[in-house]
Amino acid sequence: MFAAHLAAGLAIKAAQPRVSAWVVLTGAFLPDLFWIGFAAIGVEPATDTTFFDGWSHSAVSILVRSLIFALCMYRFGRAGMFAAGVAVLTHLLLDMPIHPS
């Protein structure tokens, strides 16, 4: 599934060339980065027998993170903020088919 997130980030970069690649790629992978952090501290168990990514991949948390991440990218202007927010939102859409909850 990482290839789809990478492709989404690169597509957004192509549409908004003034935005740095790290912004849209970080945005596209942001929920997974949170999942790694939450799993490391035990909030979301990630073992061979148990898998849970509800906190990091819930629609509400992705929407909130999208808004916050976009606001953090104010130096890239409105187009950059929009691109950063959309990059985070693509994660929700791309993960829908593989996350049953």
PDB file of N, CA and C in Angstrom:
ATOM      1  N   MET A   1       0.814  -1.201   0.000  1.00  0.00           N
ATOM      2  CA  MET A   1       0.000   0.000   0.000  1.00  0.00           C
ATOM      3  C   MET A   1       0.858   1.265   0.000  1.00  0.00           C
ATOM      4  N   PHE A   2       2.121   1.136   0.351  1.00  0.00           N
ATOM      5  CA  PHE A   2       2.976   2.319   0.382  1.00  0.00           C
ATOM      6  C   PHE A   2       3.136   2.946  -0.998  1.00  0.00           C
ATOM      7  N   ALA A   3       3.118   2.119  -2.042  1.00  0.00           N
ATOM      8  CA  ALA A   3       3.273   2.637  -3.399  1.00  0.00           C
ATOM      9  C   ALA A   3       2.135   3.592  -3.755  1.00  0.00           C
ATOM     10  N   ALA A   4       0.931   3.275  -3.326  1.00  0.00           N
ATOM     11  CA  ALA A   4      -0.213   4.140  -3.621  1.00  0.00           C
ATOM     12  C   ALA A   4      -0.070   5.494  -2.924  1.00  0.00           C
ATOM     13  N   HIS A   5       0.401   5.498  -1.689  1.00  0.00           N
ATOM     14  CA  HIS A   5       0.597   6.761  -0.972  1.00  0.00           C
ATOM     15  C   HIS A   5       1.714   7.577  -1.619  1.00  0.00           C
ATOM     16  N   LEU A   6       2.774   6.897  -2.020  1.00  0.00           N
ATOM     17  CA  LEU A   6       3.870   7.570  -2.718  1.00  0.00           C
ATOM     18  C   LEU A   6       3.365   8.180  -4.031  1.00  0.00           C
ATOM     19  N   ALA A   7       2.590   7.421  -4.776  1.00  0.00           N
ATOM     20  CA  ALA A   7       2.046   7.913  -6.043  1.00  0.00           C
ATOM     21  C   ALA A   7       1.130   9.109  -5.828  1.00  0.00           C
ATOM     22  N   ALA A   8       0.314   9.060  -4.803  1.00  0.00           N
ATOM     23  CA  ALA A   8      -0.581  10.190  -4.519  1.00  0.00           C
ATOM     24  C   ALA A   8       0.227  11.444  -4.189  1.00  0.00           C
ATOM     25  N   GLY A   9       1.242  11.294  -3.363  1.00  0.00           N
ATOM     26  CA  GLY A   9       2.091  12.439  -3.028  1.00  0.00           C
ATOM     27  C   GLY A   9       2.789  13.014  -4.245  1.00  0.00           C
ATOM     28  N   LEU A  10       3.301  12.154  -5.106  1.00  0.00           N
ATOM     29  CA  LEU A  10       3.987  12.627  -6.306  1.00  0.00           C
ATOM     30  C   LEU A  10       3.019  13.263  -7.299  1.00  0.00           C
ATOM     31  N   ALA A  11       1.792  12.761  -7.360  1.00  0.00           N
ATOM     32  CA  ALA A  11       0.784  13.367  -8.231  1.00  0.00           C
ATOM     33  C   ALA A  11       0.425  14.766  -7.750  1.00  0.00           C
ATOM     34  N   ILE A  12       0.316  14.923  -6.455  1.00  0.00           N
ATOM     35  CA  ILE A  12       0.028  16.252  -5.898  1.00  0.00           C
ATOM     36  C   ILE A  12       1.202  17.185  -6.154  1.00  0.00           C
ATOM     37  N   LYS A  13       2.420  16.676  -6.015  1.00  0.00           N
ATOM     38  CA  LYS A  13       3.620  17.469  -6.300  1.00  0.00           C
ATOM     39  C   LYS A  13       3.622  17.923  -7.758  1.00  0.00           C
ATOM     40  N   ALA A  14       3.224  17.049  -8.672  1.00  0.00           N
ATOM     41  CA  ALA A  14       3.175  17.417 -10.081  1.00  0.00           C
ATOM     42  C   ALA A  14       2.136  18.506 -10.334  1.00  0.00           C
ATOM     43  N   ALA A  15       1.034  18.456  -9.602  1.00  0.00           N
ATOM     44  CA  ALA A  15      -0.022  19.459  -9.770  1.00  0.00           C
ATOM     45  C   ALA A  15       0.351  20.790  -9.125  1.00  0.00           C
ATOM     46  N   GLN A  16       1.167  20.748  -8.084  1.00  0.00           N
ATOM     47  CA  GLN A  16       1.599  21.949  -7.364  1.00  0.00           C
ATOM     48  C   GLN A  16       3.128  21.964  -7.286  1.00  0.00           C
ATOM     49  N   PRO A  17       3.813  22.308  -8.356  1.00  0.00           N
ATOM     50  CA  PRO A  17       5.273  22.220  -8.370  1.00  0.00           C
ATOM     51  C   PRO A  17       5.987  23.155  -7.384  1.00  0.00           C
ATOM     52  N   ARG A  18       5.319  24.184  -6.921  1.00  0.00           N
ATOM     53  CA  ARG A  18       5.960  25.105  -5.959  1.00  0.00           C
ATOM     54  C   ARG A  18       6.068  24.502  -4.566  1.00  0.00           C
ATOM     55  N   VAL A  19       5.289  23.474  -4.286  1.00  0.00           N
ATOM     56  CA  VAL A  19       5.311  22.831  -2.969  1.00  0.00           C
ATOM     57  C   VAL A  19       6.441  21.811  -2.950  1.00  0.00           C
ATOM     58  N   SER A  20       7.179  21.785  -1.868  1.00  0.00           N
ATOM     59  CA  SER A  20       8.289  20.835  -1.739  1.00  0.00           C
ATOM     60  C   SER A  20       7.773  19.402  -1.718  1.00  0.00           C
ATOM     61  N   ALA A  21       8.558  18.513  -2.276  1.00  0.00           N
ATOM     62  CA  ALA A  21       8.175  17.095  -2.306  1.00  0.00           C
ATOM     63  C   ALA A  21       8.043  16.539  -0.902  1.00  0.00           C
ATOM     64  N   TRP A  22       8.895  16.972   0.032  1.00  0.00           N
ATOM     65  CA  TRP A  22       8.830  16.429   1.384  1.00  0.00           C
ATOM     66  C   TRP A  22       7.491  16.755   2.044  1.00  0.00           C
ATOM     67  N   VAL A  23       6.896  17.882   1.673  1.00  0.00           N
ATOM     68  CA  VAL A  23       5.615  18.272   2.276  1.00  0.00           C
ATOM     69  C   VAL A  23       4.519  17.291   1.874  1.00  0.00           C
ATOM     70  N   VAL A  24       4.371  17.059   0.583  1.00  0.00           N
ATOM     71  CA  VAL A  24       3.284  16.199   0.136  1.00  0.00           C
ATOM     72  C   VAL A  24       3.555  14.727   0.449  1.00  0.00           C
ATOM     73  N   LEU A  25       4.803  14.311   0.422  1.00  0.00           N
ATOM     74  CA  LEU A  25       5.107  12.916   0.754  1.00  0.00           C
ATOM     75  C   LEU A  25       4.929  12.659   2.248  1.00  0.00           C
ATOM     76  N   THR A  26       5.343  13.605   3.071  1.00  0.00           N
ATOM     77  CA  THR A  26       5.105  13.461   4.513  1.00  0.00           C
ATOM     78  C   THR A  26       3.613  13.451   4.800  1.00  0.00           C
ATOM     79  N   GLY A  27       2.877  14.321   4.143  1.00  0.00           N
ATOM     80  CA  GLY A  27       1.430  14.355   4.324  1.00  0.00           C
ATOM     81  C   GLY A  27       0.772  13.049   3.927  1.00  0.00           C
ATOM     82  N   ALA A  28       1.203  12.493   2.815  1.00  0.00           N
ATOM     83  CA  ALA A  28       0.604  11.242   2.348  1.00  0.00           C
ATOM     84  C   ALA A  28       0.878  10.076   3.298  1.00  0.00           C
ATOM     85  N   PHE A  29       1.999  10.125   3.996  1.00  0.00           N
ATOM     86  CA  PHE A  29       2.363   9.045   4.918  1.00  0.00           C
ATOM     87  C   PHE A  29       2.107   9.398   6.386  1.00  0.00           C
ATOM     88  N   LEU A  30       1.561  10.569   6.668  1.00  0.00           N
ATOM     89  CA  LEU A  30       1.396  11.023   8.048  1.00  0.00           C
ATOM     90  C   LEU A  30       0.618  10.056   8.940  1.00  0.00           C
ATOM     91  N   PRO A  31      -0.522   9.513   8.518  1.00  0.00           N
ATOM     92  CA  PRO A  31      -1.217   8.559   9.391  1.00  0.00           C
ATOM     93  C   PRO A  31      -0.379   7.314   9.708  1.00  0.00           C
ATOM     94  N   ASP A  32       0.421   6.852   8.747  1.00  0.00           N
ATOM     95  CA  ASP A  32       1.291   5.708   9.018  1.00  0.00           C
ATOM     96  C   ASP A  32       2.404   6.074   9.994  1.00  0.00           C
ATOM     97  N   LEU A  33       2.902   7.302   9.910  1.00  0.00           N
ATOM     98  CA  LEU A  33       3.922   7.743  10.863  1.00  0.00           C
ATOM     99  C   LEU A  33       3.340   7.802  12.274  1.00  0.00           C
ATOM    100  N   PHE A  34       2.103   8.278  12.386  1.00  0.00           N
ATOM    101  CA  PHE A  34       1.443   8.269  13.689  1.00  0.00           C
ATOM    102  C   PHE A  34       1.207   6.844  14.167  1.00  0.00           C
ATOM    103  N   TRP A  35       0.834   5.954  13.247  1.00  0.00           N
ATOM    104  CA  TRP A  35       0.605   4.555  13.620  1.00  0.00           C
ATOM    105  C   TRP A  35       1.878   3.933  14.178  1.00  0.00           C
ATOM    106  N   ILE A  36       3.017   4.201  13.565  1.00  0.00           N
ATOM    107  CA  ILE A  36       4.290   3.676  14.062  1.00  0.00           C
ATOM    108  C   ILE A  36       4.560   4.201  15.462  1.00  0.00           C
ATOM    109  N   GLY A  37       4.335   5.487  15.661  1.00  0.00           N
ATOM    110  CA  GLY A  37       4.542   6.076  16.991  1.00  0.00           C
ATOM    111  C   GLY A  37       3.585   5.514  18.024  1.00  0.00           C
ATOM    112  N   PHE A  38       2.310   5.391  17.674  1.00  0.00           N
ATOM    113  CA  PHE A  38       1.328   4.838  18.603  1.00  0.00           C
ATOM    114  C   PHE A  38       1.620   3.373  18.917  1.00  0.00           C
ATOM    115  N   ALA A  39       2.059   2.627  17.938  1.00  0.00           N
ATOM    116  CA  ALA A  39       2.402   1.223  18.171  1.00  0.00           C
ATOM    117  C   ALA A  39       3.628   1.120  19.071  1.00  0.00           C
ATOM    118  N   ALA A  40       4.571   2.027  18.907  1.00  0.00           N
ATOM    119  CA  ALA A  40       5.788   1.997  19.718  1.00  0.00           C
ATOM    120  C   ALA A  40       5.501   2.250  21.196  1.00  0.00           C
ATOM    121  N   ILE A  41       4.505   3.092  21.476  1.00  0.00           N
ATOM    122  CA  ILE A  41       4.190   3.374  22.880  1.00  0.00           C
ATOM    123  C   ILE A  41       3.057   2.509  23.416  1.00  0.00           C
ATOM    124  N   GLY A  42       2.510   1.632  22.572  1.00  0.00           N
ATOM    125  CA  GLY A  42       1.505   0.686  23.024  1.00  0.00           C
ATOM    126  C   GLY A  42       0.064   1.133  22.921  1.00  0.00           C
ATOM    127  N   VAL A  43      -0.189   2.272  22.310  1.00  0.00           N
ATOM    128  CA  VAL A  43      -1.567   2.747  22.162  1.00  0.00           C
ATOM    129  C   VAL A  43      -2.312   1.902  21.132  1.00  0.00           C
ATOM    130  N   GLU A  44      -1.628   1.557  20.062  1.00  0.00           N
ATOM    131  CA  GLU A  44      -2.194   0.707  19.016  1.00  0.00           C
ATOM    132  C   GLU A  44      -1.342  -0.555  18.915  1.00  0.00           C
ATOM    133  N   PRO A  45      -1.849  -1.677  19.418  1.00  0.00           N
ATOM    134  CA  PRO A  45      -1.041  -2.893  19.371  1.00  0.00           C
ATOM    135  C   PRO A  45      -0.772  -3.344  17.945  1.00  0.00           C
ATOM    136  N   ALA A  46       0.439  -3.764  17.700  1.00  0.00           N
ATOM    137  CA  ALA A  46       0.829  -4.220  16.364  1.00  0.00           C
ATOM    138  C   ALA A  46       1.700  -5.464  16.496  1.00  0.00           C
ATOM    139  N   THR A  47       1.053  -6.583  16.790  1.00  0.00           N
ATOM    140  CA  THR A  47       1.767  -7.849  16.873  1.00  0.00           C
ATOM    141  C   THR A  47       1.249  -8.767  15.782  1.00  0.00           C
ATOM    142  N   ASP A  48       1.814  -9.958  15.701  1.00  0.00           N
ATOM    143  CA  ASP A  48       1.360 -10.906  14.697  1.00  0.00           C
ATOM    144  C   ASP A  48      -0.077 -11.355  14.938  1.00  0.00           C
ATOM    145  N   THR A  49      -0.516 -11.374  16.190  1.00  0.00           N
ATOM    146  CA  THR A  49      -1.861 -11.844  16.515  1.00  0.00           C
ATOM    147  C   THR A  49      -2.872 -10.703  16.626  1.00  0.00           C
ATOM    148  N   THR A  50      -2.405  -9.508  16.919  1.00  0.00           N
ATOM    149  CA  THR A  50      -3.298  -8.374  17.114  1.00  0.00           C
ATOM    150  C   THR A  50      -2.849  -7.216  16.236  1.00  0.00           C
ATOM    151  N   PHE A  51      -3.797  -6.646  15.522  1.00  0.00           N
ATOM    152  CA  PHE A  51      -3.495  -5.478  14.695  1.00  0.00           C
ATOM    153  C   PHE A  51      -4.615  -4.471  14.880  1.00  0.00           C
ATOM    154  N   PHE A  52      -4.257  -3.241  15.239  1.00  0.00           N
ATOM    155  CA  PHE A  52      -5.253  -2.202  15.479  1.00  0.00           C
ATOM    156  C   PHE A  52      -4.658  -0.880  15.036  1.00  0.00           C
ATOM    157  N   ASP A  53      -5.349  -0.180  14.191  1.00  0.00           N
ATOM    158  CA  ASP A  53      -4.883   1.148  13.800  1.00  0.00           C
ATOM    159  C   ASP A  53      -6.034   2.146  13.816  1.00  0.00           C
ATOM    160  N   GLY A  54      -6.894   1.993  14.776  1.00  0.00           N
ATOM    161  CA  GLY A  54      -8.075   2.846  14.859  1.00  0.00           C
ATOM    162  C   GLY A  54      -7.783   4.296  15.164  1.00  0.00           C
ATOM    163  N   TRP A  55      -6.847   4.551  16.055  1.00  0.00           N
ATOM    164  CA  TRP A  55      -6.560   5.934  16.427  1.00  0.00           C
ATOM    165  C   TRP A  55      -5.868   6.684  15.297  1.00  0.00           C
ATOM    166  N   SER A  56      -4.881   6.068  14.712  1.00  0.00           N
ATOM    167  CA  SER A  56      -4.100   6.773  13.695  1.00  0.00           C
ATOM    168  C   SER A  56      -4.799   6.841  12.346  1.00  0.00           C
ATOM    169  N   HIS A  57      -5.718   5.920  12.067  1.00  0.00           N
ATOM    170  CA  HIS A  57      -6.344   5.855  10.758  1.00  0.00           C
ATOM    171  C   HIS A  57      -7.850   6.136  10.782  1.00  0.00           C
ATOM    172  N   SER A  58      -8.363   6.670  11.883  1.00  0.00           N
ATOM    173  CA  SER A  58      -9.787   6.996  11.907  1.00  0.00           C
ATOM    174  C   SER A  58     -10.034   8.234  11.048  1.00  0.00           C
ATOM    175  N   ALA A  59     -11.229   8.333  10.517  1.00  0.00           N
ATOM    176  CA  ALA A  59     -11.565   9.458   9.638  1.00  0.00           C
ATOM    177  C   ALA A  59     -11.426  10.788  10.370  1.00  0.00           C
ATOM    178  N   VAL A  60     -11.860  10.826  11.615  1.00  0.00           N
ATOM    179  CA  VAL A  60     -11.791  12.080  12.372  1.00  0.00           C
ATOM    180  C   VAL A  60     -10.337  12.492  12.603  1.00  0.00           C
ATOM    181  N   SER A  61      -9.484  11.552  13.006  1.00  0.00           N
ATOM    182  CA  SER A  61      -8.090  11.920  13.275  1.00  0.00           C
ATOM    183  C   SER A  61      -7.379  12.339  11.995  1.00  0.00           C
ATOM    184  N   ILE A  62      -7.699  11.703  10.870  1.00  0.00           N
ATOM    185  CA  ILE A  62      -7.066  12.093   9.613  1.00  0.00           C
ATOM    186  C   ILE A  62      -7.560  13.477   9.177  1.00  0.00           C
ATOM    187  N   LEU A  63      -8.832  13.758   9.365  1.00  0.00           N
ATOM    188  CA  LEU A  63      -9.348  15.090   9.026  1.00  0.00           C
ATOM    189  C   LEU A  63      -8.701  16.176   9.880  1.00  0.00           C
ATOM    190  N   VAL A  64      -8.569  15.910  11.177  1.00  0.00           N
ATOM    191  CA  VAL A  64      -7.944  16.886  12.074  1.00  0.00           C
ATOM    192  C   VAL A  64      -6.478  17.085  11.704  1.00  0.00           C
ATOM    193  N   ARG A  65      -5.762  15.974  11.478  1.00  0.00           N
ATOM    194  CA  ARG A  65      -4.355  16.067  11.105  1.00  0.00           C
ATOM    195  C   ARG A  65      -4.183  16.782   9.764  1.00  0.00           C
ATOM    196  N   SER A  66      -5.111  16.571   8.868  1.00  0.00           N
ATOM    197  CA  SER A  66      -5.059  17.243   7.569  1.00  0.00           C
ATOM    198  C   SER A  66      -5.133  18.755   7.743  1.00  0.00           C
ATOM    199  N   LEU A  67      -6.046  19.192   8.570  1.00  0.00           N
ATOM    200  CA  LEU A  67      -6.196  20.626   8.824  1.00  0.00           C
ATOM    201  C   LEU A  67      -4.959  21.195   9.513  1.00  0.00           C
ATOM    202  N   ILE A  68      -4.479  20.519  10.534  1.00  0.00           N
ATOM    203  CA  ILE A  68      -3.306  21.000  11.270  1.00  0.00           C
ATOM    204  C   ILE A  68      -2.073  21.029  10.373  1.00  0.00           C
ATOM    205  N   PHE A  69      -1.879  19.962   9.598  1.00  0.00           N
ATOM    206  CA  PHE A  69      -0.723  19.901   8.708  1.00  0.00           C
ATOM    207  C   PHE A  69      -0.796  21.007   7.664  1.00  0.00           C
ATOM    208  N   ALA A  70      -1.982  21.255   7.124  1.00  0.00           N
ATOM    209  CA  ALA A  70      -2.152  22.328   6.136  1.00  0.00           C
ATOM    210  C   ALA A  70      -1.832  23.684   6.755  1.00  0.00           C
ATOM    211  N   LEU A  71      -2.303  23.917   7.968  1.00  0.00           N
ATOM    212  CA  LEU A  71      -2.030  25.196   8.633  1.00  0.00           C
ATOM    213  C   LEU A  71      -0.543  25.385   8.902  1.00  0.00           C
ATOM    214  N   CYS A  72       0.161  24.305   9.155  1.00  0.00           N
ATOM    215  CA  CYS A  72       1.610  24.383   9.392  1.00  0.00           C
ATOM    216  C   CYS A  72       2.383  24.745   8.126  1.00  0.00           C
ATOM    217  N   MET A  73       1.760  24.586   6.978  1.00  0.00           N
ATOM    218  CA  MET A  73       2.430  24.861   5.704  1.00  0.00           C
ATOM    219  C   MET A  73       2.044  26.220   5.118  1.00  0.00           C
ATOM    220  N   TYR A  74       1.706  27.172   5.988  1.00  0.00           N
ATOM    221  CA  TYR A  74       1.268  28.492   5.536  1.00  0.00           C
ATOM    222  C   TYR A  74       2.320  29.206   4.693  1.00  0.00           C
ATOM    223  N   ARG A  75       3.582  28.897   4.883  1.00  0.00           N
ATOM    224  CA  ARG A  75       4.641  29.592   4.134  1.00  0.00           C
ATOM    225  C   ARG A  75       4.614  29.264   2.640  1.00  0.00           C
ATOM    226  N   PHE A  76       3.912  28.183   2.273  1.00  0.00           N
ATOM    227  CA  PHE A  76       3.786  27.819   0.856  1.00  0.00           C
ATOM    228  C   PHE A  76       2.559  28.457   0.204  1.00  0.00           C
ATOM    229  N   GLY A  77       1.864  29.288   0.927  1.00  0.00           N
ATOM    230  CA  GLY A  77       0.686  29.955   0.385  1.00  0.00           C
ATOM    231  C   GLY A  77      -0.539  29.052   0.408  1.00  0.00           C
ATOM    232  N   ARG A  78      -1.635  29.590  -0.095  1.00  0.00           N
ATOM    233  CA  ARG A  78      -2.890  28.823  -0.081  1.00  0.00           C
ATOM    234  C   ARG A  78      -2.803  27.541  -0.887  1.00  0.00           C
ATOM    235  N   ALA A  79      -2.169  27.608  -2.039  1.00  0.00           N
ATOM    236  CA  ALA A  79      -2.048  26.419  -2.879  1.00  0.00           C
ATOM    237  C   ALA A  79      -1.229  25.344  -2.169  1.00  0.00           C
ATOM    238  N   GLY A  80      -0.173  25.743  -1.489  1.00  0.00           N
ATOM    239  CA  GLY A  80       0.647  24.797  -0.748  1.00  0.00           C
ATOM    240  C   GLY A  80      -0.077  24.207   0.446  1.00  0.00           C
ATOM    241  N   MET A  81      -0.838  25.046   1.134  1.00  0.00           N
ATOM    242  CA  MET A  81      -1.619  24.553   2.265  1.00  0.00           C
ATOM    243  C   MET A  81      -2.668  23.553   1.792  1.00  0.00           C
ATOM    244  N   PHE A  82      -3.319  23.876   0.679  1.00  0.00           N
ATOM    245  CA  PHE A  82      -4.326  22.973   0.129  1.00  0.00           C
ATOM    246  C   PHE A  82      -3.685  21.646  -0.282  1.00  0.00           C
ATOM    247  N   ALA A  83      -2.528  21.722  -0.947  1.00  0.00           N
ATOM    248  CA  ALA A  83      -1.834  20.505  -1.380  1.00  0.00           C
ATOM    249  C   ALA A  83      -1.427  19.655  -0.181  1.00  0.00           C
ATOM    250  N   ALA A  84      -0.958  20.280   0.882  1.00  0.00           N
ATOM    251  CA  ALA A  84      -0.549  19.545   2.080  1.00  0.00           C
ATOM    252  C   ALA A  84      -1.757  18.867   2.726  1.00  0.00           C
ATOM    253  N   GLY A  85      -2.860  19.566   2.832  1.00  0.00           N
ATOM    254  CA  GLY A  85      -4.065  18.987   3.423  1.00  0.00           C
ATOM    255  C   GLY A  85      -4.625  17.851   2.594  1.00  0.00           C
ATOM    256  N   VAL A  86      -4.641  18.025   1.288  1.00  0.00           N
ATOM    257  CA  VAL A  86      -5.145  16.973   0.402  1.00  0.00           C
ATOM    258  C   VAL A  86      -4.243  15.750   0.473  1.00  0.00           C
ATOM    259  N   ALA A  87      -2.942  15.954   0.610  1.00  0.00           N
ATOM    260  CA  ALA A  87      -2.014  14.825   0.707  1.00  0.00           C
ATOM    261  C   ALA A  87      -2.360  13.934   1.895  1.00  0.00           C
ATOM    262  N   VAL A  88      -2.694  14.551   3.023  1.00  0.00           N
ATOM    263  CA  VAL A  88      -3.082  13.762   4.197  1.00  0.00           C
ATOM    264  C   VAL A  88      -4.413  13.064   3.943  1.00  0.00           C
ATOM    265  N   LEU A  89      -5.359  13.754   3.342  1.00  0.00           N
ATOM    266  CA  LEU A  89      -6.679  13.177   3.079  1.00  0.00           C
ATOM    267  C   LEU A  89      -6.631  11.994   2.119  1.00  0.00           C
ATOM    268  N   THR A  90      -5.658  11.988   1.209  1.00  0.00           N
ATOM    269  CA  THR A  90      -5.568  10.858   0.273  1.00  0.00           C
ATOM    270  C   THR A  90      -5.318   9.550   1.004  1.00  0.00           C
ATOM    271  N   HIS A  91      -4.688   9.632   2.156  1.00  0.00           N
ATOM    272  CA  HIS A  91      -4.424   8.417   2.924  1.00  0.00           C
ATOM    273  C   HIS A  91      -5.735   7.743   3.318  1.00  0.00           C
ATOM    274  N   LEU A  92      -6.685   8.537   3.717  1.00  0.00           N
ATOM    275  CA  LEU A  92      -7.994   7.994   4.096  1.00  0.00           C
ATOM    276  C   LEU A  92      -8.658   7.296   2.922  1.00  0.00           C
ATOM    277  N   LEU A  93      -8.653   7.925   1.782  1.00  0.00           N
ATOM    278  CA  LEU A  93      -9.294   7.343   0.600  1.00  0.00           C
ATOM    279  C   LEU A  93      -8.570   6.089   0.114  1.00  0.00           C
ATOM    280  N   LEU A  94      -7.251   6.123   0.127  1.00  0.00           N
ATOM    281  CA  LEU A  94      -6.494   4.983  -0.374  1.00  0.00           C
ATOM    282  C   LEU A  94      -6.545   3.779   0.566  1.00  0.00           C
ATOM    283  N   ASP A  95      -6.728   4.024   1.851  1.00  0.00           N
ATOM    284  CA  ASP A  95      -6.777   2.919   2.812  1.00  0.00           C
ATOM    285  C   ASP A  95      -8.176   2.339   3.000  1.00  0.00           C
ATOM    286  N   MET A  96      -9.195   3.006   2.499  1.00  0.00           N
ATOM    287  CA  MET A  96     -10.568   2.499   2.686  1.00  0.00           C
ATOM    288  C   MET A  96     -10.758   1.053   2.244  1.00  0.00           C
ATOM    289  N   PRO A  97     -10.250   0.643   1.105  1.00  0.00           N
ATOM    290  CA  PRO A  97     -10.483  -0.743   0.679  1.00  0.00           C
ATOM    291  C   PRO A  97      -9.813  -1.803   1.566  1.00  0.00           C
ATOM    292  N   ILE A  98      -8.741  -1.434   2.280  1.00  0.00           N
ATOM    293  CA  ILE A  98      -8.021  -2.460   3.037  1.00  0.00           C
ATOM    294  C   ILE A  98      -8.245  -2.383   4.540  1.00  0.00           C
ATOM    295  N   HIS A  99      -8.891  -1.331   5.013  1.00  0.00           N
ATOM    296  CA  HIS A  99      -9.197  -1.212   6.438  1.00  0.00           C
ATOM    297  C   HIS A  99     -10.685  -1.450   6.641  1.00  0.00           C
ATOM    298  N   PRO A 100     -11.065  -2.610   7.155  1.00  0.00           N
ATOM    299  CA  PRO A 100     -12.487  -2.933   7.251  1.00  0.00           C
ATOM    300  C   PRO A 100     -13.288  -2.028   8.166  1.00  0.00           C
ATOM    301  N   SER A 101     -12.675  -1.503   9.225  1.00  0.00           N
ATOM    302  CA  SER A 101     -13.437  -0.649  10.132  1.00  0.00           C
ATOM    303  C   SER A 101     -13.409   0.777   9.641  1.00  0.00           C
TER     304      SER A 101
END
